[in-house]
Amino acid sequence: MAAQVRLRRVYEAPDPGDGHRVLVDRLWPRGLARSAAAVDEWLKAVAPSDELRRWYGHERGKFAAFRRRYEQELQAPERAGALDHLRHLATAGPLTLLTATRDIEHSQAAVLAERLRSSP
């Protein structure tokens, strides 16, 4: 059975079906007070490197190349460990990956969700 992994913007109000809510951005979202954020965990270790994030700049035309580069980064020990942690959370129940990105479908959160859903 595939893991139940949802994608949402961190600025959206939490939903009862979200389960464990994990922010997967390297930077804290602008204008969002930590006290007001409905985030269970901030997992910076799984986020793309600053270099990759800056290079990508959320330009849709670069998404395929971004995905390939990010998949390579996810093989590094620290990121691989963080990805394993997300896999564990996904098997324990619903998991919602949060990002501040406006275009969620072309973000690292989308890449992570796809990997988690296809994991055994």
PDB file of N, CA and C in Angstrom:
ATOM      1  N   MET A   1       0.843  -1.181   0.000  1.00  0.00           N
ATOM      2  CA  MET A   1       0.000   0.000   0.000  1.00  0.00           C
ATOM      3  C   MET A   1       0.883   1.238   0.000  1.00  0.00           C
ATOM      4  N   ALA A   2       0.572   2.204  -0.866  1.00  0.00           N
ATOM      5  CA  ALA A   2       1.354   3.430  -0.960  1.00  0.00           C
ATOM      6  C   ALA A   2       1.128   4.299   0.271  1.00  0.00           C
ATOM      7  N   ALA A   3       2.172   4.999   0.643  1.00  0.00           N
ATOM      8  CA  ALA A   3       2.085   5.892   1.801  1.00  0.00           C
ATOM      9  C   ALA A   3       1.129   7.039   1.489  1.00  0.00           C
ATOM     10  N   GLN A   4       0.425   7.492   2.503  1.00  0.00           N
ATOM     11  CA  GLN A   4      -0.481   8.627   2.341  1.00  0.00           C
ATOM     12  C   GLN A   4       0.314   9.895   2.630  1.00  0.00           C
ATOM     13  N   VAL A   5       0.737  10.555   1.552  1.00  0.00           N
ATOM     14  CA  VAL A   5       1.547  11.758   1.659  1.00  0.00           C
ATOM     15  C   VAL A   5       0.817  12.892   0.940  1.00  0.00           C
ATOM     16  N   ARG A   6       0.620  13.978   1.668  1.00  0.00           N
ATOM     17  CA  ARG A   6      -0.064  15.149   1.117  1.00  0.00           C
ATOM     18  C   ARG A   6       0.937  16.288   0.959  1.00  0.00           C
ATOM     19  N   LEU A   7       0.609  17.202   0.071  1.00  0.00           N
ATOM     20  CA  LEU A   7       1.392  18.422  -0.132  1.00  0.00           C
ATOM     21  C   LEU A   7       0.512  19.616   0.176  1.00  0.00           C
ATOM     22  N   ARG A   8       1.051  20.562   0.944  1.00  0.00           N
ATOM     23  CA  ARG A   8       0.290  21.770   1.248  1.00  0.00           C
ATOM     24  C   ARG A   8       1.252  22.923   1.438  1.00  0.00           C
ATOM     25  N   ARG A   9       0.720  24.116   1.237  1.00  0.00           N
ATOM     26  CA  ARG A   9       1.494  25.311   1.567  1.00  0.00           C
ATOM     27  C   ARG A   9       1.434  25.505   3.072  1.00  0.00           C
ATOM     28  N   VAL A  10       2.532  25.904   3.648  1.00  0.00           N
ATOM     29  CA  VAL A  10       2.623  26.081   5.094  1.00  0.00           C
ATOM     30  C   VAL A  10       1.707  27.197   5.579  1.00  0.00           C
ATOM     31  N   TYR A  11       1.326  28.091   4.687  1.00  0.00           N
ATOM     32  CA  TYR A  11       0.464  29.212   5.060  1.00  0.00           C
ATOM     33  C   TYR A  11      -1.010  28.814   5.183  1.00  0.00           C
ATOM     34  N   GLU A  12      -1.368  27.640   4.653  1.00  0.00           N
ATOM     35  CA  GLU A  12      -2.753  27.175   4.720  1.00  0.00           C
ATOM     36  C   GLU A  12      -3.068  26.675   6.124  1.00  0.00           C
ATOM     37  N   ALA A  13      -4.312  26.833   6.513  1.00  0.00           N
ATOM     38  CA  ALA A  13      -4.756  26.338   7.824  1.00  0.00           C
ATOM     39  C   ALA A  13      -4.654  24.818   7.831  1.00  0.00           C
ATOM     40  N   PRO A  14      -4.300  24.238   8.969  1.00  0.00           N
ATOM     41  CA  PRO A  14      -4.211  22.777   9.045  1.00  0.00           C
ATOM     42  C   PRO A  14      -5.565  22.113   8.822  1.00  0.00           C
ATOM     43  N   ASP A  15      -5.502  20.903   8.324  1.00  0.00           N
ATOM     44  CA  ASP A  15      -6.692  20.097   8.071  1.00  0.00           C
ATOM     45  C   ASP A  15      -6.630  18.892   9.006  1.00  0.00           C
ATOM     46  N   PRO A  16      -7.761  18.431   9.529  1.00  0.00           N
ATOM     47  CA  PRO A  16      -7.732  17.270  10.435  1.00  0.00           C
ATOM     48  C   PRO A  16      -7.086  16.025   9.819  1.00  0.00           C
ATOM     49  N   GLY A  17      -7.108  15.905   8.498  1.00  0.00           N
ATOM     50  CA  GLY A  17      -6.526  14.733   7.841  1.00  0.00           C
ATOM     51  C   GLY A  17      -5.051  14.853   7.538  1.00  0.00           C
ATOM     52  N   ASP A  18      -4.420  15.948   7.937  1.00  0.00           N
ATOM     53  CA  ASP A  18      -3.008  16.169   7.619  1.00  0.00           C
ATOM     54  C   ASP A  18      -2.074  15.170   8.284  1.00  0.00           C
ATOM     55  N   GLY A  19      -2.414  14.698   9.441  1.00  0.00           N
ATOM     56  CA  GLY A  19      -1.494  13.831  10.167  1.00  0.00           C
ATOM     57  C   GLY A  19      -0.291  14.626  10.632  1.00  0.00           C
ATOM     58  N   HIS A  20       0.885  14.047  10.510  1.00  0.00           N
ATOM     59  CA  HIS A  20       2.131  14.703  10.931  1.00  0.00           C
ATOM     60  C   HIS A  20       2.513  15.731   9.859  1.00  0.00           C
ATOM     61  N   ARG A  21       2.700  16.972  10.266  1.00  0.00           N
ATOM     62  CA  ARG A  21       2.998  18.074   9.342  1.00  0.00           C
ATOM     63  C   ARG A  21       4.477  18.448   9.430  1.00  0.00           C
ATOM     64  N   VAL A  22       5.189  18.290   8.290  1.00  0.00           N
ATOM     65  CA  VAL A  22       6.630  18.522   8.263  1.00  0.00           C
ATOM     66  C   VAL A  22       6.970  19.588   7.228  1.00  0.00           C
ATOM     67  N   LEU A  23       7.633  20.645   7.685  1.00  0.00           N
ATOM     68  CA  LEU A  23       8.135  21.689   6.790  1.00  0.00           C
ATOM     69  C   LEU A  23       9.429  21.175   6.165  1.00  0.00           C
ATOM     70  N   VAL A  24       9.501  21.162   4.823  1.00  0.00           N
ATOM     71  CA  VAL A  24      10.664  20.611   4.127  1.00  0.00           C
ATOM     72  C   VAL A  24      11.459  21.688   3.383  1.00  0.00           C
ATOM     73  N   ASP A  25      11.320  22.930   3.797  1.00  0.00           N
ATOM     74  CA  ASP A  25      12.084  24.041   3.229  1.00  0.00           C
ATOM     75  C   ASP A  25      13.332  24.282   4.070  1.00  0.00           C
ATOM     76  N   ARG A  26      14.378  24.785   3.437  1.00  0.00           N
ATOM     77  CA  ARG A  26      15.604  25.121   4.152  1.00  0.00           C
ATOM     78  C   ARG A  26      15.439  26.402   4.954  1.00  0.00           C
ATOM     79  N   LEU A  27      14.660  27.355   4.424  1.00  0.00           N
ATOM     80  CA  LEU A  27      14.452  28.643   5.077  1.00  0.00           C
ATOM     81  C   LEU A  27      13.067  28.695   5.707  1.00  0.00           C
ATOM     82  N   TRP A  28      12.965  29.375   6.844  1.00  0.00           N
ATOM     83  CA  TRP A  28      11.661  29.554   7.476  1.00  0.00           C
ATOM     84  C   TRP A  28      10.808  30.473   6.600  1.00  0.00           C
ATOM     85  N   PRO A  29       9.522  30.173   6.420  1.00  0.00           N
ATOM     86  CA  PRO A  29       8.646  30.962   5.553  1.00  0.00           C
ATOM     87  C   PRO A  29       8.511  32.417   6.010  1.00  0.00           C
ATOM     88  N   ARG A  30       8.601  33.311   5.058  1.00  0.00           N
ATOM     89  CA  ARG A  30       8.474  34.742   5.349  1.00  0.00           C
ATOM     90  C   ARG A  30       7.104  35.071   5.916  1.00  0.00           C
ATOM     91  N   GLY A  31       7.117  35.934   6.912  1.00  0.00           N
ATOM     92  CA  GLY A  31       5.875  36.444   7.468  1.00  0.00           C
ATOM     93  C   GLY A  31       5.091  35.475   8.327  1.00  0.00           C
ATOM     94  N   LEU A  32       5.623  34.303   8.576  1.00  0.00           N
ATOM     95  CA  LEU A  32       4.923  33.300   9.376  1.00  0.00           C
ATOM     96  C   LEU A  32       5.608  33.179  10.740  1.00  0.00           C
ATOM     97  N   ALA A  33       4.883  33.544  11.774  1.00  0.00           N
ATOM     98  CA  ALA A  33       5.435  33.440  13.124  1.00  0.00           C
ATOM     99  C   ALA A  33       5.515  31.968  13.520  1.00  0.00           C
ATOM    100  N   ARG A  34       6.611  31.602  14.135  1.00  0.00           N
ATOM    101  CA  ARG A  34       6.771  30.201  14.558  1.00  0.00           C
ATOM    102  C   ARG A  34       5.674  29.794  15.529  1.00  0.00           C
ATOM    103  N   SER A  35       5.245  30.731  16.348  1.00  0.00           N
ATOM    104  CA  SER A  35       4.194  30.427  17.317  1.00  0.00           C
ATOM    105  C   SER A  35       2.844  30.182  16.635  1.00  0.00           C
ATOM    106  N   ALA A  36       2.671  30.723  15.432  1.00  0.00           N
ATOM    107  CA  ALA A  36       1.405  30.565  14.712  1.00  0.00           C
ATOM    108  C   ALA A  36       1.445  29.410  13.708  1.00  0.00           C
ATOM    109  N   ALA A  37       2.627  28.893  13.442  1.00  0.00           N
ATOM    110  CA  ALA A  37       2.770  27.825  12.444  1.00  0.00           C
ATOM    111  C   ALA A  37       2.285  26.497  13.006  1.00  0.00           C
ATOM    112  N   ALA A  38       1.493  25.811  12.243  1.00  0.00           N
ATOM    113  CA  ALA A  38       1.008  24.484  12.643  1.00  0.00           C
ATOM    114  C   ALA A  38       1.948  23.437  12.046  1.00  0.00           C
ATOM    115  N   VAL A  39       3.198  23.471  12.510  1.00  0.00           N
ATOM    116  CA  VAL A  39       4.237  22.578  12.005  1.00  0.00           C
ATOM    117  C   VAL A  39       4.666  21.652  13.141  1.00  0.00           C
ATOM    118  N   ASP A  40       4.617  20.350  12.891  1.00  0.00           N
ATOM    119  CA  ASP A  40       5.069  19.393  13.902  1.00  0.00           C
ATOM    120  C   ASP A  40       6.588  19.261  13.902  1.00  0.00           C
ATOM    121  N   GLU A  41       7.175  19.478  12.718  1.00  0.00           N
ATOM    122  CA  GLU A  41       8.617  19.280  12.595  1.00  0.00           C
ATOM    123  C   GLU A  41       9.138  20.098  11.423  1.00  0.00           C
ATOM    124  N   TRP A  42      10.331  20.645  11.574  1.00  0.00           N
ATOM    125  CA  TRP A  42      11.004  21.364  10.489  1.00  0.00           C
ATOM    126  C   TRP A  42      12.233  20.548  10.135  1.00  0.00           C
ATOM    127  N   LEU A  43      12.215  19.912   8.979  1.00  0.00           N
ATOM    128  CA  LEU A  43      13.275  18.996   8.567  1.00  0.00           C
ATOM    129  C   LEU A  43      14.124  19.648   7.473  1.00  0.00           C
ATOM    130  N   LYS A  44      14.983  20.570   7.876  1.00  0.00           N
ATOM    131  CA  LYS A  44      15.851  21.292   6.938  1.00  0.00           C
ATOM    132  C   LYS A  44      16.804  20.359   6.205  1.00  0.00           C
ATOM    133  N   ALA A  45      17.185  19.267   6.851  1.00  0.00           N
ATOM    134  CA  ALA A  45      18.193  18.367   6.286  1.00  0.00           C
ATOM    135  C   ALA A  45      17.757  17.736   4.965  1.00  0.00           C
ATOM    136  N   VAL A  46      16.465  17.676   4.703  1.00  0.00           N
ATOM    137  CA  VAL A  46      15.982  17.049   3.471  1.00  0.00           C
ATOM    138  C   VAL A  46      15.814  18.072   2.338  1.00  0.00           C
ATOM    139  N   ALA A  47      15.977  19.332   2.643  1.00  0.00           N
ATOM    140  CA  ALA A  47      15.795  20.396   1.651  1.00  0.00           C
ATOM    141  C   ALA A  47      16.966  20.432   0.673  1.00  0.00           C
ATOM    142  N   PRO A  48      16.740  20.968  -0.519  1.00  0.00           N
ATOM    143  CA  PRO A  48      17.843  21.121  -1.483  1.00  0.00           C
ATOM    144  C   PRO A  48      18.913  22.068  -0.928  1.00  0.00           C
ATOM    145  N   SER A  49      20.121  21.918  -1.429  1.00  0.00           N
ATOM    146  CA  SER A  49      21.208  22.806  -1.030  1.00  0.00           C
ATOM    147  C   SER A  49      20.874  24.241  -1.441  1.00  0.00           C
ATOM    148  N   ASP A  50      21.511  25.191  -0.765  1.00  0.00           N
ATOM    149  CA  ASP A  50      21.314  26.600  -1.135  1.00  0.00           C
ATOM    150  C   ASP A  50      21.691  26.845  -2.591  1.00  0.00           C
ATOM    151  N   GLU A  51      22.780  26.211  -3.040  1.00  0.00           N
ATOM    152  CA  GLU A  51      23.225  26.391  -4.424  1.00  0.00           C
ATOM    153  C   GLU A  51      22.154  25.917  -5.409  1.00  0.00           C
ATOM    154  N   LEU A  52      21.603  24.739  -5.160  1.00  0.00           N
ATOM    155  CA  LEU A  52      20.572  24.197  -6.058  1.00  0.00           C
ATOM    156  C   LEU A  52      19.311  25.038  -5.995  1.00  0.00           C
ATOM    157  N   ARG A  53      18.932  25.431  -4.804  1.00  0.00           N
ATOM    158  CA  ARG A  53      17.723  26.246  -4.633  1.00  0.00           C
ATOM    159  C   ARG A  53      17.847  27.569  -5.387  1.00  0.00           C
ATOM    160  N   ARG A  54      18.993  28.215  -5.254  1.00  0.00           N
ATOM    161  CA  ARG A  54      19.199  29.495  -5.952  1.00  0.00           C
ATOM    162  C   ARG A  54      19.247  29.305  -7.460  1.00  0.00           C
ATOM    163  N   TRP A  55      19.921  28.233  -7.919  1.00  0.00           N
ATOM    164  CA  TRP A  55      20.005  27.982  -9.357  1.00  0.00           C
ATOM    165  C   TRP A  55      18.614  27.769  -9.942  1.00  0.00           C
ATOM    166  N   TYR A  56      17.799  26.975  -9.259  1.00  0.00           N
ATOM    167  CA  TYR A  56      16.456  26.653  -9.760  1.00  0.00           C
ATOM    168  C   TYR A  56      15.556  27.880  -9.793  1.00  0.00           C
ATOM    169  N   GLY A  57      15.480  28.613  -8.723  1.00  0.00           N
ATOM    170  CA  GLY A  57      14.661  29.825  -8.680  1.00  0.00           C
ATOM    171  C   GLY A  57      13.199  29.598  -9.023  1.00  0.00           C
ATOM    172  N   HIS A  58      12.720  28.388  -8.920  1.00  0.00           N
ATOM    173  CA  HIS A  58      11.330  28.012  -9.217  1.00  0.00           C
ATOM    174  C   HIS A  58      10.918  28.363 -10.645  1.00  0.00           C
ATOM    175  N   GLU A  59      11.870  28.220 -11.575  1.00  0.00           N
ATOM    176  CA  GLU A  59      11.567  28.398 -12.991  1.00  0.00           C
ATOM    177  C   GLU A  59      11.112  27.047 -13.543  1.00  0.00           C
ATOM    178  N   ARG A  60       9.861  26.981 -13.965  1.00  0.00           N
ATOM    179  CA  ARG A  60       9.288  25.696 -14.404  1.00  0.00           C
ATOM    180  C   ARG A  60      10.118  25.005 -15.476  1.00  0.00           C
ATOM    181  N   GLY A  61      10.713  25.777 -16.357  1.00  0.00           N
ATOM    182  CA  GLY A  61      11.526  25.201 -17.431  1.00  0.00           C
ATOM    183  C   GLY A  61      12.742  24.446 -16.930  1.00  0.00           C
ATOM    184  N   LYS A  62      13.162  24.723 -15.715  1.00  0.00           N
ATOM    185  CA  LYS A  62      14.317  24.053 -15.122  1.00  0.00           C
ATOM    186  C   LYS A  62      13.918  22.884 -14.224  1.00  0.00           C
ATOM    187  N   PHE A  63      12.629  22.600 -14.101  1.00  0.00           N
ATOM    188  CA  PHE A  63      12.187  21.615 -13.111  1.00  0.00           C
ATOM    189  C   PHE A  63      12.758  20.220 -13.357  1.00  0.00           C
ATOM    190  N   ALA A  64      12.800  19.767 -14.602  1.00  0.00           N
ATOM    191  CA  ALA A  64      13.326  18.418 -14.876  1.00  0.00           C
ATOM    192  C   ALA A  64      14.785  18.309 -14.436  1.00  0.00           C
ATOM    193  N   ALA A  65      15.577  19.324 -14.742  1.00  0.00           N
ATOM    194  CA  ALA A  65      16.989  19.326 -14.329  1.00  0.00           C
ATOM    195  C   ALA A  65      17.093  19.455 -12.807  1.00  0.00           C
ATOM    196  N   PHE A  66      16.222  20.285 -12.221  1.00  0.00           N
ATOM    197  CA  PHE A  66      16.204  20.426 -10.766  1.00  0.00           C
ATOM    198  C   PHE A  66      15.923  19.079 -10.115  1.00  0.00           C
ATOM    199  N   ARG A  67      14.932  18.369 -10.626  1.00  0.00           N
ATOM    200  CA  ARG A  67      14.557  17.058 -10.073  1.00  0.00           C
ATOM    201  C   ARG A  67      15.756  16.110 -10.101  1.00  0.00           C
ATOM    202  N   ARG A  68      16.448  16.045 -11.243  1.00  0.00           N
ATOM    203  CA  ARG A  68      17.609  15.151 -11.360  1.00  0.00           C
ATOM    204  C   ARG A  68      18.695  15.527 -10.345  1.00  0.00           C
ATOM    205  N   ARG A  69      18.997  16.817 -10.255  1.00  0.00           N
ATOM    206  CA  ARG A  69      20.042  17.265  -9.332  1.00  0.00           C
ATOM    207  C   ARG A  69      19.634  17.025  -7.875  1.00  0.00           C
ATOM    208  N   TYR A  70      18.376  17.273  -7.582  1.00  0.00           N
ATOM    209  CA  TYR A  70      17.893  17.076  -6.220  1.00  0.00           C
ATOM    210  C   TYR A  70      17.910  15.596  -5.853  1.00  0.00           C
ATOM    211  N   GLU A  71      17.526  14.727  -6.772  1.00  0.00           N
ATOM    212  CA  GLU A  71      17.577  13.279  -6.531  1.00  0.00           C
ATOM    213  C   GLU A  71      19.008  12.859  -6.195  1.00  0.00           C
ATOM    214  N   GLN A  72      19.984  13.450  -6.863  1.00  0.00           N
ATOM    215  CA  GLN A  72      21.385  13.147  -6.552  1.00  0.00           C
ATOM    216  C   GLN A  72      21.734  13.627  -5.145  1.00  0.00           C
ATOM    217  N   GLU A  73      21.284  14.835  -4.796  1.00  0.00           N
ATOM    218  CA  GLU A  73      21.560  15.359  -3.461  1.00  0.00           C
ATOM    219  C   GLU A  73      20.942  14.486  -2.369  1.00  0.00           C
ATOM    220  N   LEU A  74      19.793  13.895  -2.658  1.00  0.00           N
ATOM    221  CA  LEU A  74      19.121  13.059  -1.663  1.00  0.00           C
ATOM    222  C   LEU A  74      19.896  11.789  -1.323  1.00  0.00           C
ATOM    223  N   GLN A  75      20.913  11.484  -2.110  1.00  0.00           N
ATOM    224  CA  GLN A  75      21.732  10.301  -1.832  1.00  0.00           C
ATOM    225  C   GLN A  75      22.836  10.585  -0.811  1.00  0.00           C
ATOM    226  N   ALA A  76      23.102  11.861  -0.531  1.00  0.00           N
ATOM    227  CA  ALA A  76      24.105  12.217   0.478  1.00  0.00           C
ATOM    228  C   ALA A  76      23.641  11.703   1.835  1.00  0.00           C
ATOM    229  N   PRO A  77      24.568  11.269   2.685  1.00  0.00           N
ATOM    230  CA  PRO A  77      24.177  10.633   3.960  1.00  0.00           C
ATOM    231  C   PRO A  77      23.194  11.438   4.817  1.00  0.00           C
ATOM    232  N   GLU A  78      23.427  12.723   5.003  1.00  0.00           N
ATOM    233  CA  GLU A  78      22.528  13.511   5.856  1.00  0.00           C
ATOM    234  C   GLU A  78      21.119  13.577   5.263  1.00  0.00           C
ATOM    235  N   ARG A  79      21.038  13.821   3.963  1.00  0.00           N
ATOM    236  CA  ARG A  79      19.724  13.908   3.320  1.00  0.00           C
ATOM    237  C   ARG A  79      19.057  12.537   3.244  1.00  0.00           C
ATOM    238  N   ALA A  80      19.842  11.502   2.997  1.00  0.00           N
ATOM    239  CA  ALA A  80      19.281  10.145   2.945  1.00  0.00           C
ATOM    240  C   ALA A  80      18.690   9.762   4.305  1.00  0.00           C
ATOM    241  N   GLY A  81      19.352  10.146   5.371  1.00  0.00           N
ATOM    242  CA  GLY A  81      18.827   9.874   6.715  1.00  0.00           C
ATOM    243  C   GLY A  81      17.533  10.618   6.971  1.00  0.00           C
ATOM    244  N   ALA A  82      17.467  11.863   6.519  1.00  0.00           N
ATOM    245  CA  ALA A  82      16.246  12.657   6.679  1.00  0.00           C
ATOM    246  C   ALA A  82      15.114  12.062   5.842  1.00  0.00           C
ATOM    247  N   LEU A  83      15.441  11.577   4.642  1.00  0.00           N
ATOM    248  CA  LEU A  83      14.432  10.939   3.795  1.00  0.00           C
ATOM    249  C   LEU A  83      13.923   9.655   4.448  1.00  0.00           C
ATOM    250  N   ASP A  84      14.812   8.894   5.060  1.00  0.00           N
ATOM    251  CA  ASP A  84      14.391   7.686   5.789  1.00  0.00           C
ATOM    252  C   ASP A  84      13.447   8.048   6.936  1.00  0.00           C
ATOM    253  N   HIS A  85      13.742   9.148   7.612  1.00  0.00           N
ATOM    254  CA  HIS A  85      12.869   9.617   8.689  1.00  0.00           C
ATOM    255  C   HIS A  85      11.469   9.909   8.140  1.00  0.00           C
ATOM    256  N   LEU A  86      11.406  10.575   6.989  1.00  0.00           N
ATOM    257  CA  LEU A  86      10.103  10.856   6.363  1.00  0.00           C
ATOM    258  C   LEU A  86       9.389   9.558   5.987  1.00  0.00           C
ATOM    259  N   ARG A  87      10.132   8.578   5.492  1.00  0.00           N
ATOM    260  CA  ARG A  87       9.533   7.275   5.151  1.00  0.00           C
ATOM    261  C   ARG A  87       8.904   6.641   6.391  1.00  0.00           C
ATOM    262  N   HIS A  88       9.621   6.716   7.491  1.00  0.00           N
ATOM    263  CA  HIS A  88       9.107   6.170   8.749  1.00  0.00           C
ATOM    264  C   HIS A  88       7.815   6.882   9.155  1.00  0.00           C
ATOM    265  N   LEU A  89       7.809   8.197   9.074  1.00  0.00           N
ATOM    266  CA  LEU A  89       6.608   8.963   9.423  1.00  0.00           C
ATOM    267  C   LEU A  89       5.441   8.600   8.506  1.00  0.00           C
ATOM    268  N   ALA A  90       5.733   8.412   7.212  1.00  0.00           N
ATOM    269  CA  ALA A  90       4.681   8.092   6.244  1.00  0.00           C
ATOM    270  C   ALA A  90       4.076   6.715   6.501  1.00  0.00           C
ATOM    271  N   THR A  91       4.872   5.774   6.995  1.00  0.00           N
ATOM    272  CA  THR A  91       4.322   4.450   7.279  1.00  0.00           C
ATOM    273  C   THR A  91       3.520   4.445   8.575  1.00  0.00           C
ATOM    274  N   ALA A  92       3.782   5.423   9.447  1.00  0.00           N
ATOM    275  CA  ALA A  92       3.080   5.494  10.733  1.00  0.00           C
ATOM    276  C   ALA A  92       1.689   6.112  10.614  1.00  0.00           C
ATOM    277  N   GLY A  93       1.426   6.787   9.524  1.00  0.00           N
ATOM    278  CA  GLY A  93       0.127   7.430   9.347  1.00  0.00           C
ATOM    279  C   GLY A  93       0.215   8.541   8.327  1.00  0.00           C
ATOM    280  N   PRO A  94      -0.838   9.318   8.171  1.00  0.00           N
ATOM    281  CA  PRO A  94      -0.803  10.395   7.181  1.00  0.00           C
ATOM    282  C   PRO A  94       0.355  11.363   7.451  1.00  0.00           C
ATOM    283  N   LEU A  95       0.959  11.818   6.365  1.00  0.00           N
ATOM    284  CA  LEU A  95       2.079  12.750   6.430  1.00  0.00           C
ATOM    285  C   LEU A  95       1.798  13.885   5.461  1.00  0.00           C
ATOM    286  N   THR A  96       1.951  15.116   5.925  1.00  0.00           N
ATOM    287  CA  THR A  96       1.781  16.280   5.062  1.00  0.00           C
ATOM    288  C   THR A  96       3.107  17.011   4.984  1.00  0.00           C
ATOM    289  N   LEU A  97       3.610  17.145   3.743  1.00  0.00           N
ATOM    290  CA  LEU A  97       4.831  17.896   3.499  1.00  0.00           C
ATOM    291  C   LEU A  97       4.441  19.347   3.231  1.00  0.00           C
ATOM    292  N   LEU A  98       5.052  20.241   3.980  1.00  0.00           N
ATOM    293  CA  LEU A  98       4.725  21.655   3.887  1.00  0.00           C
ATOM    294  C   LEU A  98       5.854  22.428   3.231  1.00  0.00           C
ATOM    295  N   THR A  99       5.477  23.406   2.417  1.00  0.00           N
ATOM    296  CA  THR A  99       6.435  24.280   1.772  1.00  0.00           C
ATOM    297  C   THR A  99       5.818  25.660   1.622  1.00  0.00           C
ATOM    298  N   ALA A 100       6.666  26.660   1.550  1.00  0.00           N
ATOM    299  CA  ALA A 100       6.184  28.023   1.335  1.00  0.00           C
ATOM    300  C   ALA A 100       6.015  28.316  -0.154  1.00  0.00           C
ATOM    301  N   THR A 101       6.526  27.448  -0.994  1.00  0.00           N
ATOM    302  CA  THR A 101       6.494  27.632  -2.440  1.00  0.00           C
ATOM    303  C   THR A 101       5.069  27.769  -2.961  1.00  0.00           C
ATOM    304  N   ARG A 102       4.871  28.716  -3.852  1.00  0.00           N
ATOM    305  CA  ARG A 102       3.533  28.903  -4.441  1.00  0.00           C
ATOM    306  C   ARG A 102       3.176  27.770  -5.401  1.00  0.00           C
ATOM    307  N   ASP A 103       4.158  27.326  -6.171  1.00  0.00           N
ATOM    308  CA  ASP A 103       3.944  26.274  -7.169  1.00  0.00           C
ATOM    309  C   ASP A 103       4.380  24.935  -6.567  1.00  0.00           C
ATOM    310  N   ILE A 104       3.497  24.351  -5.801  1.00  0.00           N
ATOM    311  CA  ILE A 104       3.837  23.129  -5.064  1.00  0.00           C
ATOM    312  C   ILE A 104       4.212  21.979  -5.996  1.00  0.00           C
ATOM    313  N   GLU A 105       3.548  21.869  -7.124  1.00  0.00           N
ATOM    314  CA  GLU A 105       3.786  20.746  -8.029  1.00  0.00           C
ATOM    315  C   GLU A 105       5.162  20.788  -8.682  1.00  0.00           C
ATOM    316  N   HIS A 106       5.833  21.917  -8.614  1.00  0.00           N
ATOM    317  CA  HIS A 106       7.182  22.062  -9.169  1.00  0.00           C
ATOM    318  C   HIS A 106       8.150  22.445  -8.051  1.00  0.00           C
ATOM    319  N   SER A 107       8.095  21.698  -6.959  1.00  0.00           N
ATOM    320  CA  SER A 107       8.915  21.999  -5.790  1.00  0.00           C
ATOM    321  C   SER A 107       9.606  20.743  -5.292  1.00  0.00           C
ATOM    322  N   GLN A 108      10.530  20.930  -4.352  1.00  0.00           N
ATOM    323  CA  GLN A 108      11.186  19.776  -3.733  1.00  0.00           C
ATOM    324  C   GLN A 108      10.177  18.933  -2.981  1.00  0.00           C
ATOM    325  N   ALA A 109       9.132  19.549  -2.450  1.00  0.00           N
ATOM    326  CA  ALA A 109       8.103  18.793  -1.728  1.00  0.00           C
ATOM    327  C   ALA A 109       7.426  17.789  -2.659  1.00  0.00           C
ATOM    328  N   ALA A 110       7.194  18.174  -3.903  1.00  0.00           N
ATOM    329  CA  ALA A 110       6.580  17.267  -4.875  1.00  0.00           C
ATOM    330  C   ALA A 110       7.514  16.093  -5.188  1.00  0.00           C
ATOM    331  N   VAL A 111       8.805  16.375  -5.315  1.00  0.00           N
ATOM    332  CA  VAL A 111       9.783  15.317  -5.564  1.00  0.00           C
ATOM    333  C   VAL A 111       9.822  14.347  -4.380  1.00  0.00           C
ATOM    334  N   LEU A 112       9.834  14.895  -3.186  1.00  0.00           N
ATOM    335  CA  LEU A 112       9.838  14.056  -1.980  1.00  0.00           C
ATOM    336  C   LEU A 112       8.575  13.207  -1.879  1.00  0.00           C
ATOM    337  N   ALA A 113       7.423  13.823  -2.111  1.00  0.00           N
ATOM    338  CA  ALA A 113       6.152  13.095  -2.016  1.00  0.00           C
ATOM    339  C   ALA A 113       6.126  11.934  -3.005  1.00  0.00           C
ATOM    340  N   GLU A 114       6.597  12.156  -4.216  1.00  0.00           N
ATOM    341  CA  GLU A 114       6.624  11.098  -5.215  1.00  0.00           C
ATOM    342  C   GLU A 114       7.518   9.945  -4.761  1.00  0.00           C
ATOM    343  N   ARG A 115       8.672  10.282  -4.225  1.00  0.00           N
ATOM    344  CA  ARG A 115       9.578   9.229  -3.717  1.00  0.00           C
ATOM    345  C   ARG A 115       8.949   8.470  -2.568  1.00  0.00           C
ATOM    346  N   LEU A 116       8.313   9.175  -1.649  1.00  0.00           N
ATOM    347  CA  LEU A 116       7.712   8.510  -0.487  1.00  0.00           C
ATOM    348  C   LEU A 116       6.545   7.627  -0.892  1.00  0.00           C
ATOM    349  N   ARG A 117       5.755   8.080  -1.849  1.00  0.00           N
ATOM    350  CA  ARG A 117       4.596   7.295  -2.305  1.00  0.00           C
ATOM    351  C   ARG A 117       5.020   6.038  -3.033  1.00  0.00           C
ATOM    352  N   SER A 118       6.176   6.078  -3.683  1.00  0.00           N
ATOM    353  CA  SER A 118       6.618   4.908  -4.437  1.00  0.00           C
ATOM    354  C   SER A 118       7.557   4.000  -3.646  1.00  0.00           C
ATOM    355  N   SER A 119       7.884   4.396  -2.406  1.00  0.00           N
ATOM    356  CA  SER A 119       8.774   3.579  -1.561  1.00  0.00           C
ATOM    357  C   SER A 119       8.038   2.325  -1.093  1.00  0.00           C
ATOM    358  N   PRO A 120       8.775   1.227  -0.992  1.00  0.00           N
ATOM    359  CA  PRO A 120       8.147  -0.004  -0.500  1.00  0.00           C
ATOM    360  C   PRO A 120       7.834   0.077   0.978  1.00  0.00           C
TER     361      PRO A 120
END
